[in-house]
Amino acid sequence: MNSINFYSYPFIAAIIMLVLLGARGFTKIAPAHWLATAALGCTLAAGWWIMRPAPTEIPAAIALEAAFNSGKPILIEFQSPF
């Protein structure tokens, strides 16, 4: 289940591509449609590459406390693993 959640964007992008191609019939697609579909596929792949989740290192409690006491605004983000 974790891999489905982690790779949901590529799965949905692949389904969109298959629906777009399948709606026209795989044998009746003009070269311009293949080019448009390839461009959409490249756009979706680039979007996933830019926005893909990457593991980050959690700072130590002492470093976090020092950031709180520095007087600068900080952003803390909590994410659910589900």
C-alpha atoms as a PDB file:
ATOM      1  CA  MET A   1       0.000   0.000   0.000  1.00  0.00           C
ATOM      2  CA  ASN A   2       2.873   2.369   0.736  1.00  0.00           C
ATOM      3  CA  SER A   3       4.260   2.093  -2.791  1.00  0.00           C
ATOM      4  CA  ILE A   4       0.823   2.841  -4.259  1.00  0.00           C
ATOM      5  CA  ASN A   5       0.609   5.953  -2.104  1.00  0.00           C
ATOM      6  CA  PHE A   6       4.201   6.965  -2.902  1.00  0.00           C
ATOM      7  CA  TYR A   7       3.784   6.472  -6.663  1.00  0.00           C
ATOM      8  CA  SER A   8       0.165   7.636  -7.004  1.00  0.00           C
ATOM      9  CA  TYR A   9       1.107  10.503  -9.361  1.00  0.00           C
ATOM     10  CA  PRO A  10       2.797   8.244 -11.953  1.00  0.00           C
ATOM     11  CA  PHE A  11      -0.051   5.716 -11.671  1.00  0.00           C
ATOM     12  CA  ILE A  12      -2.687   8.388 -12.286  1.00  0.00           C
ATOM     13  CA  ALA A  13      -0.622   9.889 -15.124  1.00  0.00           C
ATOM     14  CA  ALA A  14      -0.360   6.468 -16.794  1.00  0.00           C
ATOM     15  CA  ILE A  15      -4.117   5.952 -16.474  1.00  0.00           C
ATOM     16  CA  ILE A  16      -4.751   9.386 -18.021  1.00  0.00           C
ATOM     17  CA  MET A  17      -2.443   8.547 -20.920  1.00  0.00           C
ATOM     18  CA  LEU A  18      -4.124   5.182 -21.525  1.00  0.00           C
ATOM     19  CA  VAL A  19      -7.604   6.723 -21.408  1.00  0.00           C
ATOM     20  CA  LEU A  20      -6.605   9.456 -23.864  1.00  0.00           C
ATOM     21  CA  LEU A  21      -5.068   6.966 -26.271  1.00  0.00           C
ATOM     22  CA  GLY A  22      -7.762   4.346 -25.820  1.00  0.00           C
ATOM     23  CA  ALA A  23     -10.569   6.831 -26.414  1.00  0.00           C
ATOM     24  CA  ARG A  24      -9.317   7.358 -29.980  1.00  0.00           C
ATOM     25  CA  GLY A  25      -8.571   3.706 -30.650  1.00  0.00           C
ATOM     26  CA  PHE A  26      -4.945   2.711 -30.801  1.00  0.00           C
ATOM     27  CA  THR A  27      -4.983   2.036 -34.555  1.00  0.00           C
ATOM     28  CA  LYS A  28      -6.775   5.241 -35.625  1.00  0.00           C
ATOM     29  CA  ILE A  29      -4.454   7.782 -34.005  1.00  0.00           C
ATOM     30  CA  ALA A  30      -2.947  10.390 -36.294  1.00  0.00           C
ATOM     31  CA  PRO A  31       0.737  11.308 -35.953  1.00  0.00           C
ATOM     32  CA  ALA A  32      -0.232  14.719 -34.518  1.00  0.00           C
ATOM     33  CA  HIS A  33      -2.159  12.987 -31.738  1.00  0.00           C
ATOM     34  CA  TRP A  34       0.838  10.781 -30.969  1.00  0.00           C
ATOM     35  CA  LEU A  35       2.990  13.912 -30.754  1.00  0.00           C
ATOM     36  CA  ALA A  36       0.483  15.661 -28.470  1.00  0.00           C
ATOM     37  CA  THR A  37       0.251  12.552 -26.284  1.00  0.00           C
ATOM     38  CA  ALA A  38       4.039  12.306 -26.073  1.00  0.00           C
ATOM     39  CA  ALA A  39       4.235  15.996 -25.121  1.00  0.00           C
ATOM     40  CA  LEU A  40       1.622  15.446 -22.401  1.00  0.00           C
ATOM     41  CA  GLY A  41       3.538  12.403 -21.170  1.00  0.00           C
ATOM     42  CA  CYS A  42       6.775  14.399 -21.010  1.00  0.00           C
ATOM     43  CA  THR A  43       4.982  17.188 -19.150  1.00  0.00           C
ATOM     44  CA  LEU A  44       3.543  14.744 -16.610  1.00  0.00           C
ATOM     45  CA  ALA A  45       6.937  13.064 -16.166  1.00  0.00           C
ATOM     46  CA  ALA A  46       8.671  16.421 -15.676  1.00  0.00           C
ATOM     47  CA  GLY A  47       5.996  17.425 -13.162  1.00  0.00           C
ATOM     48  CA  TRP A  48       6.579  14.259 -11.167  1.00  0.00           C
ATOM     49  CA  TRP A  49      10.344  14.712 -11.300  1.00  0.00           C
ATOM     50  CA  ILE A  50      10.030  18.273  -9.979  1.00  0.00           C
ATOM     51  CA  MET A  51       7.458  17.492  -7.270  1.00  0.00           C
ATOM     52  CA  ARG A  52       8.477  13.961  -6.305  1.00  0.00           C
ATOM     53  CA  PRO A  53       8.727  13.214  -2.605  1.00  0.00           C
ATOM     54  CA  ALA A  54      12.263  12.845  -1.351  1.00  0.00           C
ATOM     55  CA  PRO A  55      13.394  11.659   2.051  1.00  0.00           C
ATOM     56  CA  THR A  56      14.714  14.409   4.283  1.00  0.00           C
ATOM     57  CA  GLU A  57      16.805  14.278   7.386  1.00  0.00           C
ATOM     58  CA  ILE A  58      15.068  15.283  10.607  1.00  0.00           C
ATOM     59  CA  PRO A  59      17.259  17.689  12.584  1.00  0.00           C
ATOM     60  CA  ALA A  60      18.287  16.853  16.104  1.00  0.00           C
ATOM     61  CA  ALA A  61      16.218  18.247  18.961  1.00  0.00           C
ATOM     62  CA  ILE A  62      19.042  20.590  20.006  1.00  0.00           C
ATOM     63  CA  ALA A  63      19.278  22.077  16.489  1.00  0.00           C
ATOM     64  CA  LEU A  64      15.505  22.494  16.383  1.00  0.00           C
ATOM     65  CA  GLU A  65      15.491  24.251  19.743  1.00  0.00           C
ATOM     66  CA  ALA A  66      18.292  26.555  18.559  1.00  0.00           C
ATOM     67  CA  ALA A  67      16.200  27.427  15.503  1.00  0.00           C
ATOM     68  CA  PHE A  68      13.245  28.276  17.757  1.00  0.00           C
ATOM     69  CA  ASN A  69      15.394  30.539  19.912  1.00  0.00           C
ATOM     70  CA  SER A  70      17.123  32.302  16.991  1.00  0.00           C
ATOM     71  CA  GLY A  71      14.319  34.838  16.556  1.00  0.00           C
ATOM     72  CA  LYS A  72      13.814  34.016  12.877  1.00  0.00           C
ATOM     73  CA  PRO A  73      10.483  32.691  11.633  1.00  0.00           C
ATOM     74  CA  ILE A  74      10.532  28.968  10.884  1.00  0.00           C
ATOM     75  CA  LEU A  75       8.114  26.638   9.165  1.00  0.00           C
ATOM     76  CA  ILE A  76       7.355  23.248  10.667  1.00  0.00           C
ATOM     77  CA  GLU A  77       5.484  20.773   8.519  1.00  0.00           C
ATOM     78  CA  PHE A  78       3.911  17.594   9.826  1.00  0.00           C
ATOM     79  CA  GLN A  79       2.880  14.860   7.416  1.00  0.00           C
ATOM     80  CA  SER A  80       0.874  11.739   7.975  1.00  0.00           C
ATOM     81  CA  PRO A  81       2.346   8.498   6.661  1.00  0.00           C
ATOM     82  CA  PHE A  82      -1.116   7.411   5.490  1.00  0.00           C
END
